[in-house]
Amino acid sequence: MDKEKVLILCTGNSARSQMAEGLLRDIAGDRFDVVSAGTLASFVRPQAIAVMAEIGIDISGHRSKCLDEFFGQSFDYVITVCDNANETCPIFPGRAKRIHWSFDDPAEAVGTVAIQLALFRRVRDEIKIRLSEFLTSH
């Protein structure tokens, strides 16, 4: 049986969707073929890499990808993790089930490095909870 395909989207593919991709791969094992993208490509935020490393997940090799790279592909699930991506998400061919979760954008954190990392950790942990719930129901 083929693995189900999951596309995780946010605006810049720099934090939320990158963390979600790493988390889903980690907690689901080989159950899904997981990719992430943004409505625009940018770069993977070092804070996202750091807070994922804290829990033993290495996303340092990830790169920011634009949604255009996946046009024409079929997915079983398209998960948007920010409101902007949900509003601009195109229709994908096939039977993709769309799921939307709204998370704060940790890239907008201001203040000290400690304050920024605290927001990245909170969003990471919120994403992990949602993904765990997703796995129990799908």
N, C-alpha and C. Protein backbone atom coordinates (compact mmCIF):
# COMPACT_ATOMS: atom_id res chain seq x y z
N MET A 1 0.83 -1.19 0.00
CA MET A 1 0.00 0.00 0.00
C MET A 1 0.88 1.24 0.00
N ASP A 2 0.52 2.21 -0.83
CA ASP A 2 1.27 3.46 -0.89
C ASP A 2 1.02 4.29 0.35
N LYS A 3 2.05 5.04 0.73
CA LYS A 3 1.90 5.96 1.85
C LYS A 3 0.99 7.11 1.45
N GLU A 4 0.22 7.61 2.42
CA GLU A 4 -0.58 8.79 2.16
C GLU A 4 0.34 10.00 2.09
N LYS A 5 -0.01 10.95 1.21
CA LYS A 5 0.82 12.13 1.00
C LYS A 5 0.21 13.33 1.72
N VAL A 6 1.07 14.05 2.45
CA VAL A 6 0.65 15.22 3.21
C VAL A 6 1.47 16.42 2.77
N LEU A 7 0.77 17.51 2.46
CA LEU A 7 1.41 18.80 2.16
C LEU A 7 1.04 19.76 3.28
N ILE A 8 2.04 20.37 3.90
CA ILE A 8 1.81 21.34 4.97
C ILE A 8 2.21 22.71 4.45
N LEU A 9 1.28 23.66 4.54
CA LEU A 9 1.49 24.99 3.96
C LEU A 9 1.45 26.10 5.00
N CYS A 10 2.32 27.09 4.81
CA CYS A 10 2.21 28.38 5.50
C CYS A 10 2.68 29.44 4.52
N THR A 11 2.85 30.64 4.98
CA THR A 11 3.19 31.72 4.06
C THR A 11 4.60 31.60 3.50
N GLY A 12 5.61 31.55 4.37
CA GLY A 12 6.99 31.59 3.90
C GLY A 12 7.74 30.29 3.97
N ASN A 13 7.11 29.22 4.47
CA ASN A 13 7.78 27.94 4.66
C ASN A 13 9.10 28.13 5.41
N SER A 14 9.01 28.97 6.45
CA SER A 14 10.22 29.29 7.21
C SER A 14 10.18 28.82 8.66
N ALA A 15 8.99 28.59 9.21
CA ALA A 15 8.90 28.23 10.63
C ALA A 15 7.81 27.19 10.88
N ARG A 16 6.54 27.62 10.87
CA ARG A 16 5.44 26.72 11.26
C ARG A 16 5.38 25.47 10.40
N SER A 17 5.37 25.62 9.09
CA SER A 17 5.25 24.44 8.23
C SER A 17 6.51 23.59 8.28
N GLN A 18 7.67 24.22 8.47
CA GLN A 18 8.91 23.45 8.60
C GLN A 18 8.89 22.61 9.88
N MET A 19 8.46 23.24 10.99
CA MET A 19 8.38 22.48 12.25
C MET A 19 7.35 21.37 12.13
N ALA A 20 6.21 21.66 11.50
CA ALA A 20 5.17 20.64 11.34
C ALA A 20 5.66 19.47 10.49
N GLU A 21 6.39 19.76 9.43
CA GLU A 21 6.94 18.68 8.60
C GLU A 21 7.87 17.79 9.42
N GLY A 22 8.79 18.41 10.15
CA GLY A 22 9.72 17.64 10.97
C GLY A 22 9.02 16.84 12.04
N LEU A 23 8.03 17.45 12.69
CA LEU A 23 7.29 16.77 13.75
C LEU A 23 6.48 15.59 13.21
N LEU A 24 5.78 15.80 12.09
CA LEU A 24 4.96 14.72 11.55
C LEU A 24 5.83 13.55 11.10
N ARG A 25 6.94 13.84 10.47
CA ARG A 25 7.85 12.76 10.08
C ARG A 25 8.32 11.99 11.31
N ASP A 26 8.61 12.71 12.38
CA ASP A 26 9.12 12.08 13.59
C ASP A 26 8.06 11.23 14.29
N ILE A 27 6.88 11.79 14.51
CA ILE A 27 5.88 11.06 15.30
C ILE A 27 5.09 10.03 14.50
N ALA A 28 5.04 10.19 13.18
CA ALA A 28 4.28 9.24 12.36
C ALA A 28 5.17 8.16 11.74
N GLY A 29 6.47 8.33 11.85
CA GLY A 29 7.36 7.36 11.24
C GLY A 29 7.21 7.35 9.73
N ASP A 30 7.10 6.17 9.16
CA ASP A 30 6.99 6.03 7.70
C ASP A 30 5.55 6.01 7.21
N ARG A 31 4.63 6.37 8.05
CA ARG A 31 3.21 6.28 7.69
C ARG A 31 2.83 7.23 6.55
N PHE A 32 3.45 8.40 6.49
CA PHE A 32 3.11 9.41 5.50
C PHE A 32 4.33 9.85 4.71
N ASP A 33 4.08 10.31 3.49
CA ASP A 33 5.07 11.02 2.70
C ASP A 33 4.77 12.50 2.94
N VAL A 34 5.64 13.21 3.66
CA VAL A 34 5.36 14.57 4.12
C VAL A 34 6.27 15.57 3.44
N VAL A 35 5.67 16.65 2.93
CA VAL A 35 6.43 17.79 2.41
C VAL A 35 5.78 19.07 2.94
N SER A 36 6.55 20.14 2.92
CA SER A 36 5.99 21.44 3.31
C SER A 36 6.37 22.46 2.26
N ALA A 37 5.59 23.53 2.22
CA ALA A 37 5.85 24.60 1.25
C ALA A 37 5.22 25.88 1.77
N GLY A 38 5.54 26.97 1.09
CA GLY A 38 4.95 28.26 1.41
C GLY A 38 4.31 28.86 0.18
N THR A 39 3.41 29.80 0.41
CA THR A 39 2.86 30.52 -0.74
C THR A 39 3.96 31.33 -1.40
N LEU A 40 4.99 31.65 -0.63
CA LEU A 40 6.23 32.25 -1.12
C LEU A 40 7.37 31.50 -0.42
N ALA A 41 8.47 31.30 -1.10
CA ALA A 41 9.62 30.66 -0.45
C ALA A 41 10.48 31.74 0.18
N SER A 42 11.10 31.41 1.30
CA SER A 42 12.01 32.36 1.93
C SER A 42 13.24 31.60 2.43
N PHE A 43 13.34 31.37 3.72
CA PHE A 43 14.45 30.61 4.30
C PHE A 43 13.94 29.97 5.58
N VAL A 44 14.61 28.91 6.01
CA VAL A 44 14.23 28.26 7.25
C VAL A 44 14.85 29.06 8.40
N ARG A 45 14.00 29.51 9.29
CA ARG A 45 14.45 30.36 10.39
C ARG A 45 15.34 29.57 11.36
N PRO A 46 16.46 30.17 11.74
CA PRO A 46 17.37 29.48 12.67
C PRO A 46 16.71 29.15 14.01
N GLN A 47 15.76 29.97 14.43
CA GLN A 47 15.05 29.69 15.69
C GLN A 47 14.23 28.40 15.57
N ALA A 48 13.65 28.16 14.40
CA ALA A 48 12.89 26.92 14.18
C ALA A 48 13.84 25.72 14.23
N ILE A 49 14.98 25.85 13.59
CA ILE A 49 15.98 24.78 13.62
C ILE A 49 16.40 24.51 15.06
N ALA A 50 16.63 25.58 15.83
CA ALA A 50 17.10 25.44 17.22
C ALA A 50 16.08 24.76 18.12
N VAL A 51 14.81 25.19 18.04
CA VAL A 51 13.82 24.60 18.96
C VAL A 51 13.46 23.17 18.57
N MET A 52 13.61 22.84 17.30
CA MET A 52 13.39 21.45 16.91
C MET A 52 14.55 20.58 17.38
N ALA A 53 15.77 21.11 17.30
CA ALA A 53 16.94 20.36 17.79
C ALA A 53 16.81 20.08 19.29
N GLU A 54 16.18 20.99 20.02
CA GLU A 54 15.99 20.78 21.47
C GLU A 54 15.20 19.51 21.77
N ILE A 55 14.35 19.09 20.85
CA ILE A 55 13.55 17.88 21.07
C ILE A 55 14.04 16.72 20.19
N GLY A 56 15.26 16.87 19.68
CA GLY A 56 15.90 15.78 18.95
C GLY A 56 15.49 15.62 17.51
N ILE A 57 14.92 16.66 16.90
CA ILE A 57 14.52 16.60 15.50
C ILE A 57 15.37 17.57 14.70
N ASP A 58 16.09 17.05 13.72
CA ASP A 58 17.01 17.87 12.92
C ASP A 58 16.33 18.33 11.63
N ILE A 59 16.05 19.62 11.54
CA ILE A 59 15.50 20.18 10.29
C ILE A 59 16.52 21.11 9.63
N SER A 60 17.78 21.01 10.05
CA SER A 60 18.80 21.91 9.51
C SER A 60 19.04 21.69 8.02
N GLY A 61 18.68 20.53 7.51
CA GLY A 61 18.83 20.26 6.08
C GLY A 61 17.63 20.65 5.25
N HIS A 62 16.57 21.12 5.90
CA HIS A 62 15.38 21.55 5.16
C HIS A 62 15.66 22.82 4.39
N ARG A 63 14.95 23.00 3.30
CA ARG A 63 15.01 24.26 2.57
C ARG A 63 13.60 24.77 2.38
N SER A 64 13.47 26.08 2.27
CA SER A 64 12.17 26.68 2.04
C SER A 64 11.75 26.42 0.60
N LYS A 65 10.52 25.94 0.43
CA LYS A 65 10.02 25.60 -0.90
C LYS A 65 8.76 26.39 -1.20
N CYS A 66 8.61 26.76 -2.46
CA CYS A 66 7.41 27.47 -2.89
C CYS A 66 6.36 26.45 -3.33
N LEU A 67 5.13 26.77 -3.05
CA LEU A 67 3.99 25.92 -3.42
C LEU A 67 4.03 25.53 -4.89
N ASP A 68 4.55 26.40 -5.74
CA ASP A 68 4.62 26.12 -7.18
C ASP A 68 5.32 24.80 -7.48
N GLU A 69 6.25 24.39 -6.63
CA GLU A 69 6.97 23.13 -6.86
C GLU A 69 6.05 21.92 -6.83
N PHE A 70 4.87 22.07 -6.25
CA PHE A 70 3.98 20.92 -6.05
C PHE A 70 2.71 20.98 -6.88
N PHE A 71 2.57 22.00 -7.74
CA PHE A 71 1.38 22.07 -8.59
C PHE A 71 1.29 20.84 -9.47
N GLY A 72 0.09 20.32 -9.60
CA GLY A 72 -0.14 19.14 -10.42
C GLY A 72 0.00 17.84 -9.66
N GLN A 73 0.55 17.88 -8.45
CA GLN A 73 0.69 16.67 -7.65
C GLN A 73 -0.58 16.44 -6.84
N SER A 74 -0.83 15.20 -6.53
CA SER A 74 -1.99 14.85 -5.70
C SER A 74 -1.53 14.61 -4.27
N PHE A 75 -2.37 15.04 -3.34
CA PHE A 75 -2.10 14.83 -1.92
C PHE A 75 -3.36 14.26 -1.27
N ASP A 76 -3.14 13.49 -0.23
CA ASP A 76 -4.27 12.98 0.55
C ASP A 76 -4.75 14.03 1.54
N TYR A 77 -3.79 14.79 2.08
CA TYR A 77 -4.11 15.85 3.04
C TYR A 77 -3.31 17.10 2.69
N VAL A 78 -3.97 18.24 2.73
CA VAL A 78 -3.31 19.54 2.63
C VAL A 78 -3.65 20.27 3.92
N ILE A 79 -2.61 20.50 4.73
CA ILE A 79 -2.79 21.13 6.04
C ILE A 79 -2.21 22.53 5.99
N THR A 80 -3.05 23.53 6.22
CA THR A 80 -2.56 24.91 6.30
C THR A 80 -2.38 25.26 7.77
N VAL A 81 -1.25 25.91 8.07
CA VAL A 81 -0.93 26.23 9.47
C VAL A 81 -0.88 27.73 9.73
N CYS A 82 -1.41 28.50 8.78
CA CYS A 82 -1.57 29.94 9.00
C CYS A 82 -2.77 30.41 8.18
N ASP A 83 -3.39 31.48 8.64
CA ASP A 83 -4.61 31.96 7.99
C ASP A 83 -4.37 32.41 6.56
N ASN A 84 -3.24 33.06 6.30
CA ASN A 84 -2.95 33.53 4.94
C ASN A 84 -2.86 32.37 3.96
N ALA A 85 -2.16 31.33 4.34
CA ALA A 85 -2.04 30.16 3.45
C ALA A 85 -3.40 29.51 3.23
N ASN A 86 -4.23 29.49 4.25
CA ASN A 86 -5.57 28.91 4.11
C ASN A 86 -6.39 29.69 3.09
N GLU A 87 -6.27 31.02 3.13
CA GLU A 87 -7.06 31.86 2.22
C GLU A 87 -6.57 31.77 0.78
N THR A 88 -5.28 31.54 0.58
CA THR A 88 -4.72 31.54 -0.77
C THR A 88 -4.41 30.14 -1.30
N CYS A 89 -4.73 29.11 -0.53
CA CYS A 89 -4.42 27.74 -0.93
C CYS A 89 -5.20 27.36 -2.18
N PRO A 90 -4.50 26.90 -3.20
CA PRO A 90 -5.20 26.48 -4.42
C PRO A 90 -5.88 25.13 -4.24
N ILE A 91 -6.66 24.76 -5.21
CA ILE A 91 -7.29 23.45 -5.24
C ILE A 91 -6.27 22.46 -5.80
N PHE A 92 -6.11 21.34 -5.15
CA PHE A 92 -5.21 20.31 -5.64
C PHE A 92 -6.01 19.20 -6.28
N PRO A 93 -5.44 18.56 -7.31
CA PRO A 93 -6.16 17.47 -7.96
C PRO A 93 -6.32 16.29 -7.01
N GLY A 94 -7.28 15.46 -7.30
CA GLY A 94 -7.48 14.27 -6.49
C GLY A 94 -8.43 14.52 -5.34
N ARG A 95 -8.24 13.75 -4.30
CA ARG A 95 -9.18 13.75 -3.19
C ARG A 95 -8.62 14.39 -1.93
N ALA A 96 -7.76 15.35 -2.06
CA ALA A 96 -7.09 15.95 -0.90
C ALA A 96 -8.10 16.48 0.12
N LYS A 97 -7.92 16.07 1.36
CA LYS A 97 -8.73 16.60 2.45
C LYS A 97 -8.00 17.82 3.00
N ARG A 98 -8.69 18.96 3.01
CA ARG A 98 -8.08 20.19 3.52
C ARG A 98 -8.34 20.33 5.00
N ILE A 99 -7.28 20.65 5.73
CA ILE A 99 -7.35 20.86 7.17
C ILE A 99 -6.67 22.20 7.45
N HIS A 100 -7.31 23.02 8.28
CA HIS A 100 -6.70 24.30 8.64
C HIS A 100 -6.52 24.42 10.14
N TRP A 101 -5.31 24.78 10.53
CA TRP A 101 -4.99 25.09 11.92
C TRP A 101 -4.33 26.46 11.93
N SER A 102 -4.82 27.34 12.76
CA SER A 102 -4.26 28.69 12.85
C SER A 102 -3.29 28.77 14.03
N PHE A 103 -2.04 29.03 13.74
CA PHE A 103 -1.02 29.21 14.77
C PHE A 103 -0.43 30.60 14.66
N ASP A 104 -0.04 31.16 15.80
CA ASP A 104 0.67 32.44 15.77
C ASP A 104 1.94 32.29 14.94
N ASP A 105 2.37 33.38 14.32
CA ASP A 105 3.60 33.36 13.53
C ASP A 105 4.78 33.66 14.45
N PRO A 106 5.60 32.67 14.78
CA PRO A 106 6.72 32.94 15.68
C PRO A 106 7.76 33.86 15.06
N ALA A 107 7.77 33.96 13.74
CA ALA A 107 8.72 34.86 13.08
C ALA A 107 8.44 36.32 13.40
N GLU A 108 7.25 36.61 13.89
CA GLU A 108 6.90 37.98 14.24
C GLU A 108 7.29 38.34 15.67
N ALA A 109 7.91 37.41 16.39
CA ALA A 109 8.32 37.68 17.77
C ALA A 109 9.36 38.79 17.81
N VAL A 110 9.19 39.68 18.76
CA VAL A 110 10.17 40.76 18.97
C VAL A 110 10.70 40.64 20.39
N GLY A 111 11.85 41.22 20.60
CA GLY A 111 12.44 41.18 21.93
C GLY A 111 13.73 40.39 21.92
N THR A 112 14.10 39.94 23.09
CA THR A 112 15.35 39.22 23.24
C THR A 112 15.29 37.86 22.54
N VAL A 113 16.44 37.26 22.37
CA VAL A 113 16.50 35.93 21.79
C VAL A 113 15.68 34.96 22.63
N ALA A 114 15.74 35.10 23.95
CA ALA A 114 14.98 34.21 24.84
C ALA A 114 13.48 34.36 24.61
N ILE A 115 13.01 35.58 24.42
CA ILE A 115 11.58 35.81 24.16
C ILE A 115 11.19 35.19 22.82
N GLN A 116 12.03 35.39 21.80
CA GLN A 116 11.74 34.83 20.48
C GLN A 116 11.69 33.30 20.55
N LEU A 117 12.68 32.70 21.20
CA LEU A 117 12.71 31.24 21.29
C LEU A 117 11.52 30.70 22.07
N ALA A 118 11.08 31.44 23.08
CA ALA A 118 9.91 31.00 23.85
C ALA A 118 8.67 30.90 22.96
N LEU A 119 8.49 31.86 22.05
CA LEU A 119 7.34 31.80 21.14
C LEU A 119 7.50 30.65 20.16
N PHE A 120 8.69 30.44 19.63
CA PHE A 120 8.92 29.31 18.73
C PHE A 120 8.62 27.99 19.44
N ARG A 121 9.04 27.87 20.71
CA ARG A 121 8.76 26.65 21.47
C ARG A 121 7.26 26.45 21.67
N ARG A 122 6.57 27.51 22.01
CA ARG A 122 5.12 27.40 22.25
C ARG A 122 4.41 26.94 20.98
N VAL A 123 4.74 27.56 19.85
CA VAL A 123 4.11 27.19 18.58
C VAL A 123 4.48 25.76 18.20
N ARG A 124 5.74 25.39 18.39
CA ARG A 124 6.17 24.01 18.13
C ARG A 124 5.32 23.03 18.93
N ASP A 125 5.15 23.31 20.21
CA ASP A 125 4.39 22.40 21.08
C ASP A 125 2.91 22.36 20.70
N GLU A 126 2.35 23.49 20.29
CA GLU A 126 0.95 23.51 19.84
C GLU A 126 0.78 22.69 18.56
N ILE A 127 1.74 22.81 17.65
CA ILE A 127 1.70 22.03 16.41
C ILE A 127 1.77 20.54 16.73
N LYS A 128 2.65 20.18 17.65
CA LYS A 128 2.81 18.76 18.01
C LYS A 128 1.50 18.20 18.56
N ILE A 129 0.80 18.97 19.38
CA ILE A 129 -0.48 18.52 19.93
C ILE A 129 -1.49 18.28 18.80
N ARG A 130 -1.58 19.23 17.87
CA ARG A 130 -2.53 19.08 16.75
C ARG A 130 -2.18 17.87 15.89
N LEU A 131 -0.89 17.69 15.63
CA LEU A 131 -0.48 16.55 14.81
C LEU A 131 -0.78 15.23 15.51
N SER A 132 -0.60 15.18 16.81
CA SER A 132 -0.94 13.96 17.57
C SER A 132 -2.42 13.66 17.46
N GLU A 133 -3.25 14.70 17.56
CA GLU A 133 -4.70 14.53 17.39
C GLU A 133 -5.02 14.06 15.98
N PHE A 134 -4.35 14.64 14.99
CA PHE A 134 -4.54 14.24 13.59
C PHE A 134 -4.24 12.75 13.43
N LEU A 135 -3.15 12.29 14.01
CA LEU A 135 -2.75 10.89 13.86
C LEU A 135 -3.74 9.93 14.50
N THR A 136 -4.38 10.34 15.58
CA THR A 136 -5.34 9.44 16.22
C THR A 136 -6.64 9.33 15.42
N SER A 137 -6.91 10.32 14.58
CA SER A 137 -8.17 10.31 13.83
C SER A 137 -8.00 10.01 12.34
N HIS A 138 -6.79 9.86 11.86
CA HIS A 138 -6.56 9.59 10.43
C HIS A 138 -5.65 8.40 10.26
